[in-house]
Amino acid sequence: MGRLSDAAVAHYQEHGYYAPIPALSGDEAAAVRRKLEAHEAAHGVLKGSMRHKSHLLFTWLDELIRHPAILDAVEGVIGPNILCWSSTFFIKEARDPGFVSWHQDSTYWGLDPADIVTGWVALSESTAENGAMRVIPDTQKLEQIAHRDTFAADNLLTRGQEIEVDVDESQAVMLQLQPGEMSLHHVRLIHGSDPNPSGKRRIGFAIRYLPTHVRQIVGTRDSATLVRGVDQFGNFEPEYRPERDLSEAAVAFHAHVMGDQQQVLMKNAQTAVMR
């Protein structure tokens, strides 16, 4: 489970994505979902900054970003020295108008070079029925494309950013996943997803991994978590693991880190909203 075949690595390198990858067992995925929904039952749905870098707040997500099968797959495409730069819940409730516009992840991240991969872990079914991710193969070979900020109310992206060029949707491939399966996609790959008209929640946890030689170039000192190998570059401040869920220290550190990351993601934006 997890480690990619040579053919899978070749597919990722040629087309910018690979899926499905068996990452978690069905029982493991269900256990993570139960912990998420137990928190929601007690405290309400995760909103705003709590959906981002959530691995700094919850021990079970800190464990998830270090899951051996996930890291085995990631190592196949970026090598053995791996940082987790961020994580984000992408949750579409039943009959949710939320969508993700066509975009490249790299647009506002300030990371260089673009040797960055997202592991998108399905904690529920992610299918055509409930708004699974779609990708435009081979577009990772493009340079950074200009985006416009929309701040559209139902757009799940931080700035509602969308590509300023027409996308040939006839070329799109839908990455349908079962709970515990994962997709990998390159930071430059054009991708998006439609709303969820179904009666089922769609829950995904996107983990952004980068090799340790990547740098933050948007003028702020950034942070990341070393999850495998060694960091000989020191381009990112190390992050603290939560000792327990939502501990006072974890909440304070998360707030500090999210303030730094907000400065990166919102650089030159006219409106600042953390969705």
C-alpha atoms as a PDB file:
ATOM      1  CA  MET A   1       0.000   0.000   0.000  1.00  0.00           C
ATOM      2  CA  GLY A   2       1.241   3.488  -0.832  1.00  0.00           C
ATOM      3  CA  ARG A   3       4.543   3.049  -2.711  1.00  0.00           C
ATOM      4  CA  LEU A   4       4.112   3.960  -6.366  1.00  0.00           C
ATOM      5  CA  SER A   5       5.069   1.709  -9.243  1.00  0.00           C
ATOM      6  CA  ASP A   6       7.433   2.970 -11.925  1.00  0.00           C
ATOM      7  CA  ALA A   7       4.437   3.282 -14.250  1.00  0.00           C
ATOM      8  CA  ALA A   8       2.557   5.395 -11.690  1.00  0.00           C
ATOM      9  CA  VAL A   9       5.538   7.737 -11.237  1.00  0.00           C
ATOM     10  CA  ALA A  10       5.869   8.041 -15.014  1.00  0.00           C
ATOM     11  CA  HIS A  11       2.158   8.881 -15.290  1.00  0.00           C
ATOM     12  CA  TYR A  12       2.510  11.604 -12.649  1.00  0.00           C
ATOM     13  CA  GLN A  13       5.554  13.092 -14.343  1.00  0.00           C
ATOM     14  CA  GLU A  14       3.929  13.062 -17.788  1.00  0.00           C
ATOM     15  CA  HIS A  15       0.389  14.130 -16.902  1.00  0.00           C
ATOM     16  CA  GLY A  16       0.747  15.961 -13.569  1.00  0.00           C
ATOM     17  CA  TYR A  17      -1.434  13.670 -11.460  1.00  0.00           C
ATOM     18  CA  TYR A  18      -2.003  10.080 -10.420  1.00  0.00           C
ATOM     19  CA  ALA A  19      -5.030   8.391  -8.849  1.00  0.00           C
ATOM     20  CA  PRO A  20      -6.358   6.393  -7.171  1.00  0.00           C
ATOM     21  CA  ILE A  21      -3.695   5.454  -4.624  1.00  0.00           C
ATOM     22  CA  PRO A  22      -4.603   3.180  -1.687  1.00  0.00           C
ATOM     23  CA  ALA A  23      -3.349   5.266   1.248  1.00  0.00           C
ATOM     24  CA  LEU A  24      -5.517   4.482   4.282  1.00  0.00           C
ATOM     25  CA  SER A  25      -7.514   1.389   4.966  1.00  0.00           C
ATOM     26  CA  GLY A  26     -11.271   1.810   5.031  1.00  0.00           C
ATOM     27  CA  ASP A  27     -11.186   1.496   8.830  1.00  0.00           C
ATOM     28  CA  GLU A  28      -8.464   4.154   9.133  1.00  0.00           C
ATOM     29  CA  ALA A  29     -10.390   6.585   6.935  1.00  0.00           C
ATOM     30  CA  ALA A  30     -13.569   5.968   8.909  1.00  0.00           C
ATOM     31  CA  ALA A  31     -11.710   6.584  12.188  1.00  0.00           C
ATOM     32  CA  VAL A  32     -10.405   9.960  10.986  1.00  0.00           C
ATOM     33  CA  ARG A  33     -13.873  10.922   9.790  1.00  0.00           C
ATOM     34  CA  ARG A  34     -15.365   9.939  13.161  1.00  0.00           C
ATOM     35  CA  LYS A  35     -12.879  12.172  14.972  1.00  0.00           C
ATOM     36  CA  LEU A  36     -13.674  15.086  12.668  1.00  0.00           C
ATOM     37  CA  GLU A  37     -17.414  14.644  13.088  1.00  0.00           C
ATOM     38  CA  ALA A  38     -17.130  14.171  16.860  1.00  0.00           C
ATOM     39  CA  HIS A  39     -15.377  17.532  17.039  1.00  0.00           C
ATOM     40  CA  GLU A  40     -18.048  19.079  14.823  1.00  0.00           C
ATOM     41  CA  ALA A  41     -20.829  17.625  16.980  1.00  0.00           C
ATOM     42  CA  ALA A  42     -19.284  19.216  20.058  1.00  0.00           C
ATOM     43  CA  HIS A  43     -18.027  22.512  18.626  1.00  0.00           C
ATOM     44  CA  GLY A  44     -19.667  23.066  15.224  1.00  0.00           C
ATOM     45  CA  VAL A  45     -18.220  22.618  11.736  1.00  0.00           C
ATOM     46  CA  LEU A  46     -14.650  23.701  11.140  1.00  0.00           C
ATOM     47  CA  LYS A  47     -14.581  27.205   9.714  1.00  0.00           C
ATOM     48  CA  GLY A  48     -12.076  29.783   8.594  1.00  0.00           C
ATOM     49  CA  SER A  49      -8.483  29.253   9.644  1.00  0.00           C
ATOM     50  CA  MET A  50      -9.333  26.025  11.495  1.00  0.00           C
ATOM     51  CA  ARG A  51      -9.724  24.275   8.130  1.00  0.00           C
ATOM     52  CA  HIS A  52      -6.136  25.223   7.265  1.00  0.00           C
ATOM     53  CA  LYS A  53      -2.987  23.730   8.798  1.00  0.00           C
ATOM     54  CA  SER A  54      -5.346  21.712  10.981  1.00  0.00           C
ATOM     55  CA  HIS A  55      -2.527  19.236  11.664  1.00  0.00           C
ATOM     56  CA  LEU A  56      -1.120  21.832  14.087  1.00  0.00           C
ATOM     57  CA  LEU A  57      -4.335  21.661  16.145  1.00  0.00           C
ATOM     58  CA  PHE A  58      -5.318  17.975  16.202  1.00  0.00           C
ATOM     59  CA  THR A  59      -3.111  15.005  17.083  1.00  0.00           C
ATOM     60  CA  TRP A  60      -4.993  12.688  14.704  1.00  0.00           C
ATOM     61  CA  LEU A  61      -4.238  14.989  11.762  1.00  0.00           C
ATOM     62  CA  ASP A  62      -0.613  15.345  12.850  1.00  0.00           C
ATOM     63  CA  GLU A  63      -0.508  11.553  12.609  1.00  0.00           C
ATOM     64  CA  LEU A  64      -2.263  11.584   9.236  1.00  0.00           C
ATOM     65  CA  ILE A  65       0.287  13.862   7.524  1.00  0.00           C
ATOM     66  CA  ARG A  66       2.963  11.362   8.646  1.00  0.00           C
ATOM     67  CA  HIS A  67       1.111   8.218   7.537  1.00  0.00           C
ATOM     68  CA  PRO A  68       3.719   5.872   6.006  1.00  0.00           C
ATOM     69  CA  ALA A  69       1.610   4.897   2.986  1.00  0.00           C
ATOM     70  CA  ILE A  70       0.945   8.563   2.133  1.00  0.00           C
ATOM     71  CA  LEU A  71       4.624   9.451   2.486  1.00  0.00           C
ATOM     72  CA  ASP A  72       5.712   6.397   0.475  1.00  0.00           C
ATOM     73  CA  ALA A  73       3.638   7.641  -2.462  1.00  0.00           C
ATOM     74  CA  VAL A  74       4.830  11.220  -2.069  1.00  0.00           C
ATOM     75  CA  GLU A  75       8.458  10.108  -1.872  1.00  0.00           C
ATOM     76  CA  GLY A  76       8.045   8.510  -5.282  1.00  0.00           C
ATOM     77  CA  VAL A  77       7.545  11.913  -6.904  1.00  0.00           C
ATOM     78  CA  ILE A  78       9.544  14.405  -4.768  1.00  0.00           C
ATOM     79  CA  GLY A  79      12.198  12.297  -3.050  1.00  0.00           C
ATOM     80  CA  PRO A  80      12.944  11.179   0.525  1.00  0.00           C
ATOM     81  CA  ASN A  81      13.340  14.518   2.354  1.00  0.00           C
ATOM     82  CA  ILE A  82       9.798  15.791   2.791  1.00  0.00           C
ATOM     83  CA  LEU A  83       8.193  18.825   4.432  1.00  0.00           C
ATOM     84  CA  CYS A  84       4.473  19.265   5.003  1.00  0.00           C
ATOM     85  CA  TRP A  85       3.869  22.930   4.198  1.00  0.00           C
ATOM     86  CA  SER A  86       0.127  23.029   4.775  1.00  0.00           C
ATOM     87  CA  SER A  87      -3.089  21.061   4.985  1.00  0.00           C
ATOM     88  CA  THR A  88      -6.656  22.021   4.166  1.00  0.00           C
ATOM     89  CA  PHE A  89     -10.063  20.434   4.629  1.00  0.00           C
ATOM     90  CA  PHE A  90     -12.198  20.649   1.494  1.00  0.00           C
ATOM     91  CA  ILE A  91     -15.659  19.752   2.763  1.00  0.00           C
ATOM     92  CA  LYS A  92     -18.795  20.016   0.657  1.00  0.00           C
ATOM     93  CA  GLU A  93     -21.943  19.483   2.656  1.00  0.00           C
ATOM     94  CA  ALA A  94     -24.943  17.743   1.144  1.00  0.00           C
ATOM     95  CA  ARG A  95     -26.612  19.985  -1.452  1.00  0.00           C
ATOM     96  CA  ASP A  96     -23.753  22.432  -1.068  1.00  0.00           C
ATOM     97  CA  PRO A  97     -23.312  25.208  -3.671  1.00  0.00           C
ATOM     98  CA  GLY A  98     -19.592  25.352  -2.832  1.00  0.00           C
ATOM     99  CA  PHE A  99     -17.224  24.799  -5.747  1.00  0.00           C
ATOM    100  CA  VAL A 100     -13.564  25.173  -6.649  1.00  0.00           C
ATOM    101  CA  SER A 101     -12.844  27.240  -9.754  1.00  0.00           C
ATOM    102  CA  TRP A 102     -10.239  26.212 -12.316  1.00  0.00           C
ATOM    103  CA  HIS A 103      -6.869  27.214 -10.856  1.00  0.00           C
ATOM    104  CA  GLN A 104      -3.241  26.339 -10.253  1.00  0.00           C
ATOM    105  CA  ASP A 105      -2.261  25.826  -6.611  1.00  0.00           C
ATOM    106  CA  SER A 106       1.008  27.689  -7.154  1.00  0.00           C
ATOM    107  CA  THR A 107      -0.644  31.055  -7.839  1.00  0.00           C
ATOM    108  CA  TYR A 108      -0.261  32.678  -4.412  1.00  0.00           C
ATOM    109  CA  TRP A 109       1.894  30.250  -2.486  1.00  0.00           C
ATOM    110  CA  GLY A 110       5.227  32.029  -3.021  1.00  0.00           C
ATOM    111  CA  LEU A 111       7.159  28.743  -3.205  1.00  0.00           C
ATOM    112  CA  ASP A 112      10.109  28.161  -5.517  1.00  0.00           C
ATOM    113  CA  PRO A 113      10.869  25.940  -7.347  1.00  0.00           C
ATOM    114  CA  ALA A 114       7.519  24.350  -8.216  1.00  0.00           C
ATOM    115  CA  ASP A 115       8.518  20.867  -6.981  1.00  0.00           C
ATOM    116  CA  ILE A 116       5.388  20.572  -4.863  1.00  0.00           C
ATOM    117  CA  VAL A 117       2.713  17.894  -4.693  1.00  0.00           C
ATOM    118  CA  THR A 118      -0.717  17.766  -3.072  1.00  0.00           C
ATOM    119  CA  GLY A 119      -1.920  14.510  -1.573  1.00  0.00           C
ATOM    120  CA  TRP A 120      -5.736  14.744  -1.586  1.00  0.00           C
ATOM    121  CA  VAL A 121      -7.015  12.123   0.875  1.00  0.00           C
ATOM    122  CA  ALA A 122     -10.662  11.080   0.608  1.00  0.00           C
ATOM    123  CA  LEU A 123     -12.382  10.653   3.975  1.00  0.00           C
ATOM    124  CA  SER A 124     -15.708  10.029   2.217  1.00  0.00           C
ATOM    125  CA  GLU A 125     -16.610   8.972  -1.284  1.00  0.00           C
ATOM    126  CA  SER A 126     -15.561  11.628  -3.791  1.00  0.00           C
ATOM    127  CA  THR A 127     -17.454  10.928  -7.007  1.00  0.00           C
ATOM    128  CA  ALA A 128     -19.253  12.515  -9.933  1.00  0.00           C
ATOM    129  CA  GLU A 129     -22.339  12.503  -7.723  1.00  0.00           C
ATOM    130  CA  ASN A 130     -20.934  14.769  -5.009  1.00  0.00           C
ATOM    131  CA  GLY A 131     -18.442  17.039  -6.743  1.00  0.00           C
ATOM    132  CA  ALA A 132     -15.150  15.170  -7.131  1.00  0.00           C
ATOM    133  CA  MET A 133     -12.020  16.987  -8.266  1.00  0.00           C
ATOM    134  CA  ARG A 134     -11.388  17.333 -11.991  1.00  0.00           C
ATOM    135  CA  VAL A 135      -7.977  17.953 -13.556  1.00  0.00           C
ATOM    136  CA  ILE A 136      -6.691  19.052 -16.954  1.00  0.00           C
ATOM    137  CA  PRO A 137      -3.902  16.578 -17.769  1.00  0.00           C
ATOM    138  CA  ASP A 138      -0.463  17.822 -18.856  1.00  0.00           C
ATOM    139  CA  THR A 139      -1.072  21.425 -17.727  1.00  0.00           C
ATOM    140  CA  GLN A 140       1.646  21.091 -15.066  1.00  0.00           C
ATOM    141  CA  LYS A 141       4.035  21.711 -17.974  1.00  0.00           C
ATOM    142  CA  LEU A 142       2.738  25.278 -18.281  1.00  0.00           C
ATOM    143  CA  GLU A 143       4.316  28.195 -16.493  1.00  0.00           C
ATOM    144  CA  GLN A 144       2.349  30.176 -13.928  1.00  0.00           C
ATOM    145  CA  ILE A 145      -0.861  31.475 -15.547  1.00  0.00           C
ATOM    146  CA  ALA A 146      -2.463  34.765 -14.560  1.00  0.00           C
ATOM    147  CA  HIS A 147      -5.462  34.444 -12.221  1.00  0.00           C
ATOM    148  CA  ARG A 148      -8.179  36.864 -11.208  1.00  0.00           C
ATOM    149  CA  ASP A 149      -9.526  37.129  -7.664  1.00  0.00           C
ATOM    150  CA  THR A 150     -13.312  36.819  -7.416  1.00  0.00           C
ATOM    151  CA  PHE A 151     -13.890  36.308  -3.677  1.00  0.00           C
ATOM    152  CA  ALA A 152     -17.103  34.578  -4.791  1.00  0.00           C
ATOM    153  CA  ALA A 153     -19.170  33.541  -1.781  1.00  0.00           C
ATOM    154  CA  ASP A 154     -19.439  29.861  -2.780  1.00  0.00           C
ATOM    155  CA  ASN A 155     -15.854  29.456  -3.992  1.00  0.00           C
ATOM    156  CA  LEU A 156     -13.890  27.283  -1.558  1.00  0.00           C
ATOM    157  CA  LEU A 157     -10.553  28.873  -2.488  1.00  0.00           C
ATOM    158  CA  THR A 158      -9.076  31.528  -0.214  1.00  0.00           C
ATOM    159  CA  ARG A 159      -9.321  34.327  -2.785  1.00  0.00           C
ATOM    160  CA  GLY A 160     -11.865  32.715  -5.099  1.00  0.00           C
ATOM    161  CA  GLN A 161      -9.091  32.753  -7.685  1.00  0.00           C
ATOM    162  CA  GLU A 162      -9.717  31.514 -11.198  1.00  0.00           C
ATOM    163  CA  ILE A 163      -7.587  31.226 -14.295  1.00  0.00           C
ATOM    164  CA  GLU A 164      -7.866  34.145 -16.719  1.00  0.00           C
ATOM    165  CA  VAL A 165      -7.770  31.901 -19.790  1.00  0.00           C
ATOM    166  CA  ASP A 166     -10.438  29.597 -21.165  1.00  0.00           C
ATOM    167  CA  VAL A 167     -10.179  25.977 -20.020  1.00  0.00           C
ATOM    168  CA  ASP A 168     -11.107  23.201 -22.443  1.00  0.00           C
ATOM    169  CA  GLU A 169     -13.351  21.206 -20.124  1.00  0.00           C
ATOM    170  CA  SER A 170     -13.656  18.435 -22.692  1.00  0.00           C
ATOM    171  CA  GLN A 171     -10.099  17.455 -21.673  1.00  0.00           C
ATOM    172  CA  ALA A 172     -10.941  17.200 -17.957  1.00  0.00           C
ATOM    173  CA  VAL A 173     -10.442  13.952 -16.038  1.00  0.00           C
ATOM    174  CA  MET A 174     -12.445  13.343 -12.863  1.00  0.00           C
ATOM    175  CA  LEU A 175     -10.498  11.798  -9.977  1.00  0.00           C
ATOM    176  CA  GLN A 176     -13.092   9.629  -8.268  1.00  0.00           C
ATOM    177  CA  LEU A 177     -11.984   8.205  -4.929  1.00  0.00           C
ATOM    178  CA  GLN A 178     -13.291   5.879  -2.265  1.00  0.00           C
ATOM    179  CA  PRO A 179     -12.682   6.553   1.443  1.00  0.00           C
ATOM    180  CA  GLY A 180      -8.990   6.059   2.193  1.00  0.00           C
ATOM    181  CA  GLU A 181      -7.869   6.531  -1.396  1.00  0.00           C
ATOM    182  CA  MET A 182      -5.693   9.466  -2.400  1.00  0.00           C
ATOM    183  CA  SER A 183      -4.800  11.412  -5.500  1.00  0.00           C
ATOM    184  CA  LEU A 184      -1.533  13.236  -6.133  1.00  0.00           C
ATOM    185  CA  HIS A 185      -1.365  16.377  -8.252  1.00  0.00           C
ATOM    186  CA  HIS A 186       1.390  18.802  -9.171  1.00  0.00           C
ATOM    187  CA  VAL A 187       1.270  22.394  -7.942  1.00  0.00           C
ATOM    188  CA  ARG A 188       0.946  23.741 -11.511  1.00  0.00           C
ATOM    189  CA  LEU A 189      -1.782  21.352 -12.675  1.00  0.00           C
ATOM    190  CA  ILE A 190      -5.044  23.120 -13.556  1.00  0.00           C
ATOM    191  CA  HIS A 191      -7.890  21.629 -11.519  1.00  0.00           C
ATOM    192  CA  GLY A 192     -11.239  22.417  -9.910  1.00  0.00           C
ATOM    193  CA  SER A 193     -14.521  20.842  -8.818  1.00  0.00           C
ATOM    194  CA  ASP A 194     -18.253  21.394  -9.094  1.00  0.00           C
ATOM    195  CA  PRO A 195     -20.864  21.821  -6.333  1.00  0.00           C
ATOM    196  CA  ASN A 196     -22.326  18.848  -4.480  1.00  0.00           C
ATOM    197  CA  PRO A 197     -26.024  18.421  -5.341  1.00  0.00           C
ATOM    198  CA  SER A 198     -26.221  15.018  -3.639  1.00  0.00           C
ATOM    199  CA  GLY A 199     -27.421  14.101  -0.160  1.00  0.00           C
ATOM    200  CA  LYS A 200     -23.909  12.951   0.873  1.00  0.00           C
ATOM    201  CA  ARG A 201     -21.070  14.933   2.421  1.00  0.00           C
ATOM    202  CA  ARG A 202     -17.847  15.051   0.433  1.00  0.00           C
ATOM    203  CA  ILE A 203     -14.838  15.266   2.764  1.00  0.00           C
ATOM    204  CA  GLY A 204     -11.287  15.620   1.506  1.00  0.00           C
ATOM    205  CA  PHE A 205      -8.079  16.508   3.326  1.00  0.00           C
ATOM    206  CA  ALA A 206      -5.452  18.068   1.070  1.00  0.00           C
ATOM    207  CA  ILE A 207      -1.852  17.835   2.292  1.00  0.00           C
ATOM    208  CA  ARG A 208       0.785  19.956   0.535  1.00  0.00           C
ATOM    209  CA  TYR A 209       4.222  18.345   0.501  1.00  0.00           C
ATOM    210  CA  LEU A 210       7.505  19.748  -0.754  1.00  0.00           C
ATOM    211  CA  PRO A 211      11.133  18.650  -0.868  1.00  0.00           C
ATOM    212  CA  THR A 212      13.357  20.471   1.598  1.00  0.00           C
ATOM    213  CA  HIS A 213      15.179  22.534  -1.066  1.00  0.00           C
ATOM    214  CA  VAL A 214      12.027  24.564  -1.862  1.00  0.00           C
ATOM    215  CA  ARG A 215      12.045  28.168  -0.563  1.00  0.00           C
ATOM    216  CA  GLN A 216       9.458  30.807   0.330  1.00  0.00           C
ATOM    217  CA  ILE A 217      10.164  33.894  -1.824  1.00  0.00           C
ATOM    218  CA  VAL A 218       7.329  36.267  -0.921  1.00  0.00           C
ATOM    219  CA  GLY A 219       9.255  38.066   1.778  1.00  0.00           C
ATOM    220  CA  THR A 220       8.147  36.379   4.993  1.00  0.00           C
ATOM    221  CA  ARG A 221       9.768  33.631   6.999  1.00  0.00           C
ATOM    222  CA  ASP A 222       7.528  30.623   6.499  1.00  0.00           C
ATOM    223  CA  SER A 223       7.132  27.410   8.498  1.00  0.00           C
ATOM    224  CA  ALA A 224       6.693  23.729   7.711  1.00  0.00           C
ATOM    225  CA  THR A 225       6.784  20.315   9.366  1.00  0.00           C
ATOM    226  CA  LEU A 226       9.527  17.800   8.551  1.00  0.00           C
ATOM    227  CA  VAL A 227       7.700  14.492   8.103  1.00  0.00           C
ATOM    228  CA  ARG A 228      10.390  12.303   6.512  1.00  0.00           C
ATOM    229  CA  GLY A 229      14.141  12.396   5.983  1.00  0.00           C
ATOM    230  CA  VAL A 230      16.426  15.293   6.878  1.00  0.00           C
ATOM    231  CA  ASP A 231      16.311  19.030   6.239  1.00  0.00           C
ATOM    232  CA  GLN A 232      19.763  20.270   5.213  1.00  0.00           C
ATOM    233  CA  PHE A 233      18.460  23.627   3.958  1.00  0.00           C
ATOM    234  CA  GLY A 234      16.562  25.221   6.848  1.00  0.00           C
ATOM    235  CA  ASN A 235      14.374  27.319   4.543  1.00  0.00           C
ATOM    236  CA  PHE A 236      11.373  26.982   6.863  1.00  0.00           C
ATOM    237  CA  GLU A 237      10.921  27.436  10.590  1.00  0.00           C
ATOM    238  CA  PRO A 238      10.120  24.067  12.201  1.00  0.00           C
ATOM    239  CA  GLU A 239       6.588  23.563  13.476  1.00  0.00           C
ATOM    240  CA  TYR A 240       5.477  22.154  16.834  1.00  0.00           C
ATOM    241  CA  ARG A 241       3.421  18.993  17.078  1.00  0.00           C
ATOM    242  CA  PRO A 242       0.246  19.298  19.165  1.00  0.00           C
ATOM    243  CA  GLU A 243       0.579  17.431  22.470  1.00  0.00           C
ATOM    244  CA  ARG A 244      -3.197  17.072  22.652  1.00  0.00           C
ATOM    245  CA  ASP A 245      -6.132  18.247  20.565  1.00  0.00           C
ATOM    246  CA  LEU A 246      -6.669  22.011  20.714  1.00  0.00           C
ATOM    247  CA  SER A 247      -4.259  22.515  23.593  1.00  0.00           C
ATOM    248  CA  GLU A 248      -3.640  26.130  24.557  1.00  0.00           C
ATOM    249  CA  ALA A 249      -0.109  25.956  23.159  1.00  0.00           C
ATOM    250  CA  ALA A 250      -1.293  24.371  19.898  1.00  0.00           C
ATOM    251  CA  VAL A 251      -4.033  26.962  19.373  1.00  0.00           C
ATOM    252  CA  ALA A 252      -1.605  29.838  20.040  1.00  0.00           C
ATOM    253  CA  PHE A 253       1.048  28.402  17.708  1.00  0.00           C
ATOM    254  CA  HIS A 254      -1.532  27.743  14.982  1.00  0.00           C
ATOM    255  CA  ALA A 255      -2.757  31.351  15.209  1.00  0.00           C
ATOM    256  CA  HIS A 256       0.825  32.621  14.888  1.00  0.00           C
ATOM    257  CA  VAL A 257       1.562  30.401  11.883  1.00  0.00           C
ATOM    258  CA  MET A 258      -1.718  31.228  10.146  1.00  0.00           C
ATOM    259  CA  GLY A 259      -0.969  34.927  10.516  1.00  0.00           C
ATOM    260  CA  ASP A 260       2.316  34.422   8.675  1.00  0.00           C
ATOM    261  CA  GLN A 261       0.696  32.301   5.971  1.00  0.00           C
ATOM    262  CA  GLN A 262      -2.164  34.770   5.528  1.00  0.00           C
ATOM    263  CA  GLN A 263       0.412  37.428   4.642  1.00  0.00           C
ATOM    264  CA  VAL A 264       1.720  35.155   1.880  1.00  0.00           C
ATOM    265  CA  LEU A 265      -1.640  34.030   0.500  1.00  0.00           C
ATOM    266  CA  MET A 266      -3.168  37.519   0.604  1.00  0.00           C
ATOM    267  CA  LYS A 267      -0.210  39.506  -0.724  1.00  0.00           C
ATOM    268  CA  ASN A 268      -1.525  42.313  -2.972  1.00  0.00           C
ATOM    269  CA  ALA A 269      -5.150  41.179  -2.504  1.00  0.00           C
ATOM    270  CA  GLN A 270      -7.832  43.842  -2.264  1.00  0.00           C
ATOM    271  CA  THR A 271      -9.894  41.836   0.246  1.00  0.00           C
ATOM    272  CA  ALA A 272      -8.616  39.416   2.881  1.00  0.00           C
ATOM    273  CA  VAL A 273     -10.886  36.543   3.822  1.00  0.00           C
ATOM    274  CA  MET A 274      -9.767  33.151   5.140  1.00  0.00           C
ATOM    275  CA  ARG A 275     -12.402  30.690   3.979  1.00  0.00           C
END
